[in-house]
Protein backbone atom coordinates (compact mmCIF):
# COMPACT_ATOMS: atom_id res chain seq x y z
CA UNK A 1 55.49 21.99 -19.10
CA UNK A 2 54.86 20.06 -15.90
CA UNK A 3 56.75 16.82 -15.38
CA UNK A 4 54.79 13.62 -14.82
CA UNK A 5 54.52 12.22 -11.33
CA UNK A 6 56.35 8.92 -10.80
CA UNK A 7 54.41 6.54 -8.58
CA UNK A 8 55.34 3.05 -7.46
CA UNK A 9 52.47 0.65 -6.71
CA UNK A 10 53.48 -1.65 -3.87
CA UNK A 11 50.64 -4.07 -4.69
CA UNK A 12 52.33 -5.22 -7.90
CA UNK A 13 55.83 -3.66 -7.62
CA UNK A 14 55.42 -1.67 -10.87
CA UNK A 15 56.15 2.02 -11.48
CA UNK A 16 53.86 4.37 -13.33
CA UNK A 17 53.86 8.00 -14.56
CA UNK A 18 50.87 10.25 -14.25
CA UNK A 19 50.02 13.89 -14.86
CA UNK A 20 50.21 15.97 -11.69
CA UNK A 21 46.84 16.06 -9.86
CA UNK A 22 45.88 12.50 -10.80
CA UNK A 23 43.68 10.99 -8.11
CA UNK A 24 44.36 7.74 -6.34
CA UNK A 25 41.04 6.44 -7.70
CA UNK A 26 42.19 7.00 -11.25
CA UNK A 27 45.54 5.41 -10.46
CA UNK A 28 43.81 2.37 -8.92
CA UNK A 29 41.65 1.88 -11.99
CA UNK A 30 44.78 1.54 -14.13
CA UNK A 31 47.25 -0.19 -11.79
CA UNK A 32 45.35 -2.00 -9.08
CA UNK A 33 41.58 -2.41 -9.50
CA UNK A 34 41.50 -4.94 -6.65
CA UNK A 35 43.56 -5.56 -3.52
CA UNK A 36 44.65 -9.07 -2.54
CA UNK A 37 45.48 -10.74 0.78
CA UNK A 38 48.15 -13.34 1.46
CA UNK A 39 45.79 -16.11 0.19
CA UNK A 40 45.24 -14.34 -3.08
CA UNK A 41 41.64 -13.40 -2.32
CA UNK A 42 40.44 -10.26 -4.09
CA UNK A 43 38.88 -7.22 -2.43
CA UNK A 44 37.52 -3.94 -3.81
CA UNK A 45 39.87 -1.02 -3.17
CA UNK A 46 38.57 1.36 -0.49
CA UNK A 47 41.60 3.54 0.37
CA UNK A 48 45.34 3.72 0.00
CA UNK A 49 48.51 4.05 2.11
CA UNK A 50 50.62 6.73 0.49
CA UNK A 51 54.19 6.92 1.81
CA UNK A 52 52.90 5.13 4.95
CA UNK A 53 50.03 7.63 5.39
CA UNK A 54 46.36 6.60 5.02
CA UNK A 55 44.60 8.55 2.26
CA UNK A 56 41.16 8.64 0.64
CA UNK A 57 40.94 7.64 -3.04
CA UNK A 58 40.07 11.27 -3.87
CA UNK A 59 43.58 12.28 -2.83
CA UNK A 60 45.44 13.93 -5.74
CA UNK A 61 49.15 13.25 -6.36
CA UNK A 62 51.52 16.09 -7.26
CA UNK A 63 54.83 14.42 -6.21
CA UNK A 64 56.44 11.01 -6.42
CA UNK A 65 54.97 8.45 -4.06
CA UNK A 66 54.85 4.83 -2.98
CA UNK A 67 51.24 3.66 -2.87
CA UNK A 68 49.61 0.53 -1.44
CA UNK A 69 45.92 0.15 -2.26
CA UNK A 70 43.89 -1.55 0.48
CA UNK A 71 40.45 -3.11 0.85
CA UNK A 72 38.64 -5.15 3.47
CA UNK A 73 41.72 -7.34 3.69
CA UNK A 74 43.51 -4.57 5.69
CA UNK A 75 42.55 -3.23 9.20
CA UNK A 76 42.44 0.34 7.80
CA UNK A 77 40.32 -0.85 4.91
CA UNK A 78 37.85 -2.38 7.33
CA UNK A 79 37.76 0.78 9.41
CA UNK A 80 37.13 2.78 6.24
CA UNK A 81 34.16 0.54 5.47
CA UNK A 82 32.77 0.79 9.05
CA UNK A 83 32.96 4.59 9.00
CA UNK A 84 31.24 4.77 5.65
CA UNK A 85 28.59 2.28 6.69
CA UNK A 86 27.86 4.41 9.77
CA UNK A 87 27.31 7.42 7.53
CA UNK A 88 25.01 5.37 5.30
CA UNK A 89 22.93 4.48 8.35
CA UNK A 90 22.98 8.07 9.58
CA UNK A 91 21.72 9.15 6.17
CA UNK A 92 18.83 6.72 6.33
CA UNK A 93 17.86 7.95 9.86
CA UNK A 94 17.97 11.59 8.81
CA UNK A 95 15.78 10.88 5.74
CA UNK A 96 13.14 8.71 7.50
CA UNK A 97 13.25 10.05 11.12
CA UNK A 98 14.63 13.63 10.97
CA UNK A 99 13.71 14.38 14.60
CA UNK A 100 15.52 11.33 16.04
CA UNK A 101 19.18 11.02 17.00
CA UNK A 102 21.24 8.05 15.91
CA UNK A 103 23.80 6.85 18.45
CA UNK A 104 26.27 4.12 17.46
CA UNK A 105 27.21 3.13 20.99
CA UNK A 106 29.65 0.23 21.09
CA UNK A 107 30.76 -2.98 19.43
CA UNK A 108 29.07 -6.30 20.30
CA UNK A 109 29.82 -9.80 18.94
CA UNK A 110 26.98 -9.35 16.39
CA UNK A 111 27.93 -5.81 15.24
CA UNK A 112 27.79 -2.25 16.39
CA UNK A 113 24.95 -1.61 18.83
CA UNK A 114 22.80 1.38 17.82
CA UNK A 115 19.90 3.22 19.42
CA UNK A 116 17.59 5.98 18.23
CA UNK A 117 17.03 8.76 20.75
CA UNK A 118 14.33 11.39 21.05
CA UNK A 119 15.32 15.05 21.30
CA UNK A 120 14.13 15.30 24.89
CA UNK A 121 15.08 14.12 28.36
CA UNK A 122 13.15 12.22 31.04
CA UNK A 123 12.71 13.37 34.65
CA UNK A 124 16.18 11.98 35.56
CA UNK A 125 17.82 14.02 32.82
CA UNK A 126 18.46 11.06 30.49
CA UNK A 127 17.87 11.33 26.77
CA UNK A 128 14.75 9.27 26.01
CA UNK A 129 15.33 6.09 23.88
CA UNK A 130 12.91 5.85 21.01
CA UNK A 131 11.24 2.37 20.93
CA UNK A 132 12.16 1.54 17.37
CA UNK A 133 9.91 -1.20 15.87
CA UNK A 134 10.80 -4.08 13.61
CA UNK A 135 8.98 -2.36 10.75
CA UNK A 136 11.03 0.80 11.29
CA UNK A 137 14.29 -1.17 11.32
CA UNK A 138 13.22 -2.79 8.08
CA UNK A 139 12.43 0.65 6.62
CA UNK A 140 15.94 1.89 7.54
CA UNK A 141 17.48 -1.13 5.89
CA UNK A 142 15.42 -0.61 2.72
CA UNK A 143 16.48 3.05 2.59
CA UNK A 144 20.11 2.09 3.05
CA UNK A 145 19.93 -0.37 0.14
CA UNK A 146 18.27 2.24 -2.06
CA UNK A 147 21.17 4.63 -1.32
CA UNK A 148 23.69 1.90 -2.10
CA UNK A 149 21.98 1.25 -5.44
CA UNK A 150 22.11 4.97 -6.24
CA UNK A 151 25.89 4.89 -5.74
CA UNK A 152 26.06 8.39 -4.25
CA UNK A 153 29.48 9.91 -3.62
CA UNK A 154 30.90 10.84 -0.23
CA UNK A 155 32.23 14.38 -0.56
CA UNK A 156 34.83 15.82 1.80
CA UNK A 157 35.01 19.53 2.49
CA UNK A 158 36.85 21.97 4.71
CA UNK A 159 34.95 24.63 6.60
CA UNK A 160 35.11 26.98 9.54
CA UNK A 161 34.73 25.07 12.78
CA UNK A 162 31.92 27.40 13.95
CA UNK A 163 30.02 26.70 10.73
CA UNK A 164 30.42 22.93 11.37
CA UNK A 165 29.15 23.36 14.95
CA UNK A 166 25.98 25.00 13.60
CA UNK A 167 25.53 22.15 11.10
CA UNK A 168 25.84 19.49 13.77
CA UNK A 169 23.47 21.33 16.12
CA UNK A 170 20.96 21.49 13.29
CA UNK A 171 21.32 17.80 12.78
CA UNK A 172 20.76 17.13 16.54
CA UNK A 173 24.37 15.91 16.91
CA UNK A 174 25.06 17.83 20.08
CA UNK A 175 28.02 15.81 21.30
CA UNK A 176 29.67 16.28 17.92
CA UNK A 177 29.10 19.99 18.08
CA UNK A 178 30.50 20.25 21.64
CA UNK A 179 33.57 18.22 20.70
CA UNK A 180 34.23 20.40 17.67
CA UNK A 181 34.00 23.50 19.82
CA UNK A 182 36.16 22.05 22.60
CA UNK A 183 39.06 21.29 20.21
CA UNK A 184 39.59 25.02 19.52
CA UNK A 185 40.39 24.59 15.82
CA UNK A 186 39.75 27.16 13.15
CA UNK A 187 38.92 24.72 10.32
CA UNK A 188 37.61 21.15 10.34
CA UNK A 189 36.70 18.48 7.81
CA UNK A 190 33.06 17.69 7.06
CA UNK A 191 31.72 14.99 4.79
CA UNK A 192 28.49 15.23 2.79
CA UNK A 193 26.23 12.44 1.57
CA UNK A 194 23.26 13.51 -0.49
CA UNK A 195 23.33 16.94 1.19
CA UNK A 196 23.59 15.56 4.77
CA UNK A 197 26.73 16.58 6.70
CA UNK A 198 28.68 14.52 9.21
CA UNK A 199 32.25 14.11 10.49
CA UNK A 200 34.46 11.03 10.83
CA UNK A 201 37.97 10.53 12.13
CA UNK A 202 39.44 8.86 9.05
CA UNK A 203 38.75 8.40 5.32
CA UNK A 204 35.56 7.07 3.76
CA UNK A 205 35.01 4.90 0.65
CA UNK A 206 34.43 6.80 -2.62
CA UNK A 207 30.70 6.15 -2.84
CA UNK A 208 27.74 4.26 -1.35
CA UNK A 209 27.92 1.62 -4.07
CA UNK A 210 30.91 0.07 -2.19
CA UNK A 211 28.70 -0.70 0.85
CA UNK A 212 26.57 -3.54 -0.45
CA UNK A 213 27.09 -5.95 2.46
CA UNK A 214 25.39 -5.11 5.76
CA UNK A 215 22.33 -5.94 7.86
CA UNK A 216 20.37 -4.37 10.73
CA UNK A 217 19.74 -7.00 13.42
CA UNK A 218 17.07 -6.09 16.05
CA UNK A 219 18.53 -6.28 19.54
CA UNK A 220 17.62 -4.83 22.95
CA UNK A 221 16.23 -1.33 22.78
CA UNK A 222 17.79 -0.85 19.34
CA UNK A 223 19.62 -2.91 16.75
CA UNK A 224 23.06 -4.07 15.64
CA UNK A 225 24.66 -2.74 12.50
CA UNK A 226 26.29 -5.82 10.98
CA UNK A 227 29.23 -5.56 8.56
CA UNK A 228 31.03 -8.01 6.27
CA UNK A 229 32.79 -11.05 7.64
CA UNK A 230 36.58 -10.74 7.38
CA UNK A 231 36.84 -14.23 5.95
CA UNK A 232 33.98 -13.90 3.45
CA UNK A 233 33.10 -10.35 2.43
CA UNK A 234 29.98 -11.44 0.57
CA UNK A 235 28.11 -12.10 3.84
CA UNK A 236 27.74 -10.31 7.14
CA UNK A 237 29.31 -11.58 10.37
CA UNK A 238 27.21 -14.24 12.05
CA UNK A 239 24.92 -13.40 14.95
CA UNK A 240 26.48 -14.55 18.19
CA UNK A 241 25.32 -14.81 21.84
CA UNK A 242 25.83 -11.38 23.39
CA UNK A 243 23.29 -10.98 26.24
CA UNK A 244 25.84 -10.92 29.13
CA UNK A 245 28.24 -8.61 27.29
CA UNK A 246 25.46 -6.25 26.31
CA UNK A 247 24.26 -6.12 29.93
CA UNK A 248 27.80 -5.19 31.11
CA UNK A 249 27.91 -2.38 28.53
CA UNK A 250 24.47 -1.18 29.68
CA UNK A 251 25.54 -1.11 33.31
CA UNK A 252 28.67 0.80 32.48
CA UNK A 253 26.75 3.31 30.36
CA UNK A 254 24.32 3.83 33.23
CA UNK A 255 27.24 4.43 35.60
CA UNK A 256 28.85 6.90 33.17
CA UNK A 257 25.57 8.78 33.17
CA UNK A 258 25.62 9.08 36.98
CA UNK A 259 29.10 10.66 36.69
CA UNK A 260 27.82 13.03 33.97
CA UNK A 261 30.57 11.80 31.64
CA UNK A 262 28.96 10.45 28.51
CA UNK A 263 31.42 11.51 25.84
CA UNK A 264 34.91 12.78 25.22
CA UNK A 265 33.82 16.43 25.36
CA UNK A 266 32.32 16.06 28.89
CA UNK A 267 35.40 14.07 30.01
CA UNK A 268 37.66 16.86 28.75
CA UNK A 269 35.58 19.46 30.52
CA UNK A 270 35.79 17.56 33.82
CA UNK A 271 39.57 17.41 33.56
CA UNK A 272 39.97 21.03 32.54
CA UNK A 273 37.81 22.14 35.47
CA UNK A 274 40.16 20.38 37.94
CA UNK A 275 38.10 17.26 38.56
CA UNK A 276 40.75 14.66 37.66
CA UNK A 277 41.60 13.42 41.16
CA UNK A 278 37.97 13.15 42.20
CA UNK A 279 37.27 11.18 39.04
CA UNK A 280 40.20 8.84 39.73
CA UNK A 281 38.95 8.10 43.24
CA UNK A 282 35.40 7.54 42.00
CA UNK A 283 36.47 5.11 39.27
CA UNK A 284 38.69 3.15 41.66
CA UNK A 285 35.89 2.90 44.20
CA UNK A 286 33.63 1.49 41.55
CA UNK A 287 36.22 -1.16 40.65
CA UNK A 288 36.57 -2.18 44.28
CA UNK A 289 32.85 -2.54 44.57
CA UNK A 290 32.73 -4.78 41.46
CA UNK A 291 35.48 -6.99 42.76
CA UNK A 292 33.69 -7.30 46.05
CA UNK A 293 30.42 -8.33 44.35
CA UNK A 294 32.22 -11.10 42.44
CA UNK A 295 33.96 -12.29 45.58
CA UNK A 296 30.58 -12.41 47.38
CA UNK A 297 29.26 -14.75 44.66
CA UNK A 298 32.33 -17.01 44.96
CA UNK A 299 31.96 -17.03 48.71
CA UNK A 300 28.26 -17.98 48.46
CA UNK A 301 29.25 -21.02 46.35
CA UNK A 302 32.29 -21.94 48.47
CA UNK A 303 30.90 -25.39 49.52
CA UNK A 304 31.14 -26.55 45.95
CA UNK A 305 33.25 -24.15 43.88
CA UNK A 306 37.02 -24.54 44.47
CA UNK A 307 38.46 -23.13 41.19
CA UNK A 308 38.13 -19.65 39.74
CA UNK A 309 39.20 -19.16 36.11
CA UNK A 310 39.81 -15.63 34.85
CA UNK A 311 40.05 -14.98 31.11
CA UNK A 312 40.22 -11.89 28.95
CA UNK A 313 41.93 -10.49 25.87
CA UNK A 314 45.39 -8.94 25.84
CA UNK A 315 45.91 -6.07 28.29
CA UNK A 316 42.47 -6.47 29.82
CA UNK A 317 43.95 -6.46 33.30
CA UNK A 318 43.65 -10.22 33.98
CA UNK A 319 46.71 -10.33 36.24
CA UNK A 320 45.68 -7.40 38.39
CA UNK A 321 42.09 -8.66 38.48
CA UNK A 322 43.14 -12.07 39.79
CA UNK A 323 45.20 -10.43 42.53
CA UNK A 324 42.52 -7.90 43.53
CA UNK A 325 39.80 -10.57 43.47
CA UNK A 326 42.08 -12.68 45.70
CA UNK A 327 42.22 -9.78 48.17
CA UNK A 328 38.43 -9.56 48.29
CA UNK A 329 38.20 -13.29 48.87
CA UNK A 330 40.60 -12.93 51.79
CA UNK A 331 38.39 -10.28 53.29
CA UNK A 332 35.58 -12.90 53.38
CA UNK A 333 37.78 -15.47 55.09
CA UNK A 334 38.78 -17.53 52.04
CA UNK A 335 42.38 -18.44 51.33
CA UNK A 336 43.01 -17.78 47.64
CA UNK A 337 45.98 -19.31 45.82
CA UNK A 338 46.82 -17.70 42.51
CA UNK A 339 48.50 -19.69 39.73
CA UNK A 340 49.09 -18.64 36.10
CA UNK A 341 47.87 -20.99 33.43
CA UNK A 342 51.01 -20.06 31.46
CA UNK A 343 52.85 -22.61 33.58
CA UNK A 344 51.04 -25.36 31.65
CA UNK A 345 52.45 -24.76 28.16
CA UNK A 346 53.69 -27.83 26.24
CA UNK A 347 57.35 -28.23 25.48
CA UNK A 348 58.62 -25.99 22.70
CA UNK A 349 59.04 -28.76 20.15
CA UNK A 350 55.39 -29.68 20.68
CA UNK A 351 54.08 -26.15 20.21
CA UNK A 352 51.79 -25.75 17.13
CA UNK A 353 52.59 -23.26 14.42
CA UNK A 354 50.35 -20.69 12.76
CA UNK A 355 49.73 -20.12 9.07
CA UNK A 356 52.98 -18.15 8.79
CA UNK A 357 55.00 -20.96 10.31
CA UNK A 358 55.60 -19.14 13.63
CA UNK A 359 54.97 -20.69 17.03
CA UNK A 360 51.30 -20.23 17.97
CA UNK A 361 51.42 -19.79 21.72
CA UNK A 362 47.78 -18.64 21.78
CA UNK A 363 46.41 -21.88 20.36
CA UNK A 364 44.62 -24.17 22.83
CA UNK A 365 46.93 -26.98 21.69
CA UNK A 366 49.88 -24.99 23.00
CA UNK A 367 48.79 -25.96 26.51
CA UNK A 368 49.47 -29.21 28.27
CA UNK A 369 45.82 -29.98 28.75
CA UNK A 370 46.38 -33.55 29.94
CA UNK A 371 48.62 -32.42 32.83
CA UNK A 372 46.33 -29.51 33.69
CA UNK A 373 43.20 -31.62 33.84
CA UNK A 374 44.93 -34.35 35.78
CA UNK A 375 46.29 -31.94 38.44
CA UNK A 376 42.96 -30.12 38.83
CA UNK A 377 41.10 -33.37 39.38
CA UNK A 378 43.65 -34.44 41.98
CA UNK A 379 43.38 -31.10 43.75
CA UNK A 380 39.58 -31.42 43.81
CA UNK A 381 39.96 -34.86 45.29
CA UNK A 382 42.04 -33.40 48.16
CA UNK A 383 45.40 -34.65 46.89
CA UNK A 384 48.67 -32.82 46.76
CA UNK A 385 50.27 -31.95 43.40
CA UNK A 386 53.55 -30.42 42.25
CA UNK A 387 52.89 -27.22 40.24
CA UNK A 388 55.23 -26.75 37.26
CA UNK A 389 57.12 -23.55 36.36
CA UNK A 390 57.43 -22.84 32.65
CA UNK A 391 60.65 -21.31 31.38
CA UNK A 392 59.88 -19.42 28.18
CA UNK A 393 63.48 -18.96 27.19
CA UNK A 394 64.20 -22.71 27.33
CA UNK A 395 60.71 -23.68 26.20
CA UNK A 396 60.07 -26.32 28.82
CA UNK A 397 58.51 -26.96 32.21
CA UNK A 398 60.42 -27.44 35.43
CA UNK A 399 59.23 -29.16 38.61
CA UNK A 400 60.94 -27.52 41.56
CA UNK A 401 59.05 -28.82 44.54
CA UNK A 402 56.24 -26.22 44.42
CA UNK A 403 53.60 -28.41 46.16
CA UNK A 404 49.92 -27.50 46.45
CA UNK A 405 46.93 -28.96 48.21
CA UNK A 406 43.51 -27.31 48.52
CA UNK A 407 42.32 -27.17 52.14
CA UNK A 408 38.77 -26.45 53.29
CA UNK A 409 38.83 -22.68 52.87
CA UNK A 410 41.29 -22.61 49.96
CA UNK A 411 40.19 -21.35 46.56
CA UNK A 412 42.39 -21.74 43.46
CA UNK A 413 42.49 -18.74 41.09
CA UNK A 414 43.99 -19.22 37.65
CA UNK A 415 44.11 -16.68 34.80
CA UNK A 416 44.75 -17.30 31.10
CA UNK A 417 43.30 -16.64 27.64
CA UNK A 418 41.54 -20.08 27.39
CA UNK A 419 39.93 -20.03 30.80
CA UNK A 420 36.41 -19.70 29.41
CA UNK A 421 36.80 -22.48 26.83
CA UNK A 422 35.17 -25.73 28.13
CA UNK A 423 37.55 -27.69 25.94
CA UNK A 424 40.45 -26.64 28.15
CA UNK A 425 39.53 -28.98 31.02
CA UNK A 426 36.74 -31.26 29.71
CA UNK A 427 37.54 -33.95 32.30
CA UNK A 428 37.01 -31.61 35.26
CA UNK A 429 33.62 -31.23 36.95
CA UNK A 430 32.47 -27.89 35.39
CA UNK A 431 30.14 -27.10 38.32
CA UNK A 432 33.17 -26.75 40.56
CA UNK A 433 34.59 -23.96 38.40
CA UNK A 434 33.59 -20.26 38.59
CA UNK A 435 34.52 -18.36 35.41
CA UNK A 436 35.24 -14.61 35.22
CA UNK A 437 35.63 -12.65 32.01
CA UNK A 438 37.66 -9.41 32.27
CA UNK A 439 37.92 -6.83 29.54
CA UNK A 440 38.19 -3.03 29.05
CA UNK A 441 34.72 -2.36 27.66
CA UNK A 442 34.48 1.39 27.51
CA UNK A 443 31.21 2.88 26.38
CA UNK A 444 32.75 6.36 26.21
CA UNK A 445 32.19 7.77 22.72
CA UNK A 446 33.99 10.44 20.69
CA UNK A 447 30.56 11.58 19.48
CA UNK A 448 27.19 10.20 18.44
CA UNK A 449 28.41 7.92 15.65
CA UNK A 450 32.12 7.49 16.46
CA UNK A 451 32.51 5.07 19.33
CA UNK A 452 35.87 4.39 20.99
CA UNK A 453 37.29 0.97 20.13
CA UNK A 454 37.92 -1.20 23.13
CA UNK A 455 40.67 -2.78 21.06
CA UNK A 456 42.42 0.60 20.71
CA UNK A 457 42.13 1.07 24.44
CA UNK A 458 43.85 -2.23 25.10
CA UNK A 459 46.48 -1.57 22.41
CA UNK A 460 47.53 1.65 24.14
CA UNK A 461 47.71 -0.18 27.46
CA UNK A 462 49.89 -2.91 25.95
CA UNK A 463 52.20 -0.49 24.16
CA UNK A 464 52.89 1.46 27.36
CA UNK A 465 53.48 -1.72 29.38
CA UNK A 466 55.59 -3.47 26.73
CA UNK A 467 57.85 -0.51 26.43
CA UNK A 468 58.24 -0.11 30.17
CA UNK A 469 58.54 -3.70 31.31
CA UNK A 470 59.58 -5.82 28.37
CA UNK A 471 61.72 -3.36 26.38
CA UNK A 472 59.54 -3.82 23.31
CA UNK A 473 59.38 -0.84 21.00
CA UNK A 474 56.06 0.87 20.24
CA UNK A 475 56.60 -0.04 16.57
CA UNK A 476 56.90 -3.74 17.37
CA UNK A 477 53.75 -3.69 19.52
CA UNK A 478 51.72 -2.04 16.75
CA UNK A 479 52.99 -4.46 14.10
CA UNK A 480 52.23 -7.48 16.33
CA UNK A 481 48.73 -6.33 17.27
CA UNK A 482 46.91 -7.78 14.19
CA UNK A 483 48.21 -11.22 15.09
CA UNK A 484 47.13 -10.76 18.72
CA UNK A 485 43.65 -9.78 17.56
CA UNK A 486 43.40 -12.88 15.35
CA UNK A 487 44.20 -15.05 18.36
CA UNK A 488 41.59 -13.26 20.48
CA UNK A 489 38.90 -13.72 17.83
CA UNK A 490 39.65 -17.38 17.71
CA UNK A 491 40.37 -18.26 21.31
CA UNK A 492 38.64 -15.72 23.60
CA UNK A 493 35.70 -13.82 22.14
CA UNK A 494 33.62 -16.87 21.11
CA UNK A 495 33.49 -17.94 24.78
CA UNK A 496 32.64 -14.62 26.47
CA UNK A 497 29.08 -15.70 27.27
CA UNK A 498 30.40 -18.77 29.16
CA UNK A 499 31.44 -16.48 32.04
CA UNK A 500 29.62 -16.67 35.39
CA UNK A 501 30.69 -13.06 36.10
CA UNK A 502 31.98 -10.27 33.90
CA UNK A 503 34.34 -7.57 35.08
CA UNK A 504 34.81 -4.32 33.16
CA UNK A 505 38.36 -3.11 33.76
CA UNK A 506 37.76 0.19 31.82
CA UNK A 507 38.29 3.39 33.76
CA UNK A 508 36.98 6.80 32.71
CA UNK A 509 40.30 8.43 33.40
CA UNK A 510 42.51 5.95 31.63
CA UNK A 511 42.59 7.45 28.12
CA UNK A 512 43.73 10.81 29.53
CA UNK A 513 46.36 8.87 31.51
CA UNK A 514 47.41 6.72 28.60
CA UNK A 515 47.73 9.81 26.39
CA UNK A 516 50.44 11.12 28.73
CA UNK A 517 52.51 7.95 28.28
CA UNK A 518 51.58 6.79 24.81
CA UNK A 519 51.82 10.03 22.82
CA UNK A 520 55.61 10.42 23.13
CA UNK A 521 56.08 6.73 22.27
CA UNK A 522 53.94 7.03 19.13
CA UNK A 523 55.79 10.13 17.98
CA UNK A 524 59.07 8.15 17.97
CA UNK A 525 57.82 6.07 15.07
CA UNK A 526 59.36 7.34 11.85
CA UNK A 527 57.39 7.98 8.62
CA UNK A 528 59.49 5.28 6.97
CA UNK A 529 58.11 2.60 9.35
CA UNK A 530 55.28 0.25 8.30
CA UNK A 531 53.75 1.04 11.70
CA UNK A 532 53.54 4.73 10.89
CA UNK A 533 49.89 4.77 9.58
CA UNK A 534 48.71 3.14 12.78
CA UNK A 535 50.74 5.56 14.89
CA UNK A 536 49.24 8.49 13.04
CA UNK A 537 45.73 7.09 13.50
CA UNK A 538 46.19 6.66 17.23
CA UNK A 539 47.76 10.13 17.58
CA UNK A 540 44.85 11.63 15.78
CA UNK A 541 42.48 9.86 18.14
CA UNK A 542 44.45 10.93 21.20
CA UNK A 543 44.38 14.48 19.93
CA UNK A 544 40.71 14.65 21.02
CA UNK A 545 41.64 13.73 24.63
CA UNK A 546 42.96 16.05 27.38
CA UNK A 547 45.92 14.39 29.08
CA UNK A 548 46.33 13.92 32.79
CA UNK A 549 49.04 15.88 34.52
CA UNK A 550 51.90 14.06 36.38
CA UNK A 551 50.57 15.30 39.75
CA UNK A 552 47.15 13.79 38.90
CA UNK A 553 48.72 10.50 37.80
CA UNK A 554 50.48 10.33 41.17
CA UNK A 555 47.05 10.05 42.77
CA UNK A 556 46.27 6.73 41.07
CA UNK A 557 46.38 4.17 43.90
CA UNK A 558 49.09 1.49 43.88
CA UNK A 559 46.47 -1.28 43.71
CA UNK A 560 44.85 0.10 40.55
CA UNK A 561 44.71 -1.94 37.35
CA UNK A 562 46.38 1.00 35.64
CA UNK A 563 49.50 0.43 37.72
CA UNK A 564 49.94 -2.89 35.88
CA UNK A 565 50.70 -0.78 32.79
CA UNK A 566 52.39 2.37 34.09
CA UNK A 567 54.22 0.87 37.07
CA UNK A 568 54.07 1.42 40.81
CA UNK A 569 51.73 -1.48 41.65
CA UNK A 570 51.93 -2.98 45.15
CA UNK A 571 49.71 -6.07 44.66
């Protein structure tokens, strides 16, 4: 007689006994039908973390476990919803437009940007974008809602990799097929929805009935797939201004096409064929050209513009960008002076606190806005001011005789997370400020419907840098990231469209480079750590990437943004 499986539910702290082979879904129905966040809000259960490993609810238990059920309140729960919603859209496209190819390209403020492609190329070799109409977008949405109402199950299977390749080719998912082939695996996981196959790099919700909140928003040549708002899962995220950001993504996608690298499989092939150094040089040349173009615009406005603000999310390369932009301004005969906005924090006892009671250094109120505005106005009036130095250990500013005056050809460059927010310096003449937004906005995709998160890109950058420069463990960086993201969503992303110029700090070779540094760090995180599920997720993602070799990394120039994270920068 088989012994019952003892399972502890971390959501309520209770222990249960089940027959071996009981599924997580059956366990959830008895022990935890809903997940709750810190505020007590309830969420449907989408997946579970079993012994710090993310599992689908179909997972069957044969041993003792600790289980935490998660919903949209958890980052992995949200990712599970996004993946499933992508498959729901793919299903609708395959049913209504079987000869078109769905591409979920990248994230925008209003959702994931999607296009439908024809199965043919134009005279330049580009896949032709199908001009989807409003009526066709509405038809897709209706079909998706019908499938939700039918509550169809997502079924996971294992099959031979070569069989999966044939399935994906038959479904016109050529990038997915090439990636599957390039990985060299014997078996792979394939999901089915209503007889339609697809692959995803993480679990899905149990059935389509879970996906009742979404919307297709017409935009550009395609549409945005909108998902639930994190604060109110009964409605989709609001539509936000996104024209400038979308244009930057489009330009980067066009440039990727000119390099013939439009997905992970083509990137891997380039590296395996010995093209890493050439790719590094090409990417760095493009960055230099972009900095020069921004400097040209600043120079053209030099009679009036005297201040350049640079903003961007964590690990977007703001510091390197300010220094490289300063170099380009020098080439044009300007005299840039770079100051960090971090020098203008308020005293520690005046720093606001977040909802957990911790100091909130990312809040706008954490800055001494009165002093900043006063000094900028005096500088614009031709006066001399004493720039403070902020000591983070002591939590206060020091004035040590660092005097500054803006002469005729001087330009002041300041970088910080609030630099695009007009509320930061409302008393300063806004026409005298040129604002630059920097972020790592990669449009490189794993395959047709699995885009690479720009947040993951920056997280890997930060983890490598924190470990090298600040002595912060990979575990601590991963556990802190959710808080960092909340601050970005509140203080940075709403103001992206305020920028006069946008700089994309992403580099095609950086994920192969980051894999070399990040993979050993992630493998140090033990299964007992609460950061382990995130480490496993990132390792699984990096497993699709071919790493750069040390000799190739040595070819990255000392002025590269990447040197800010891996060391060796000479700026």
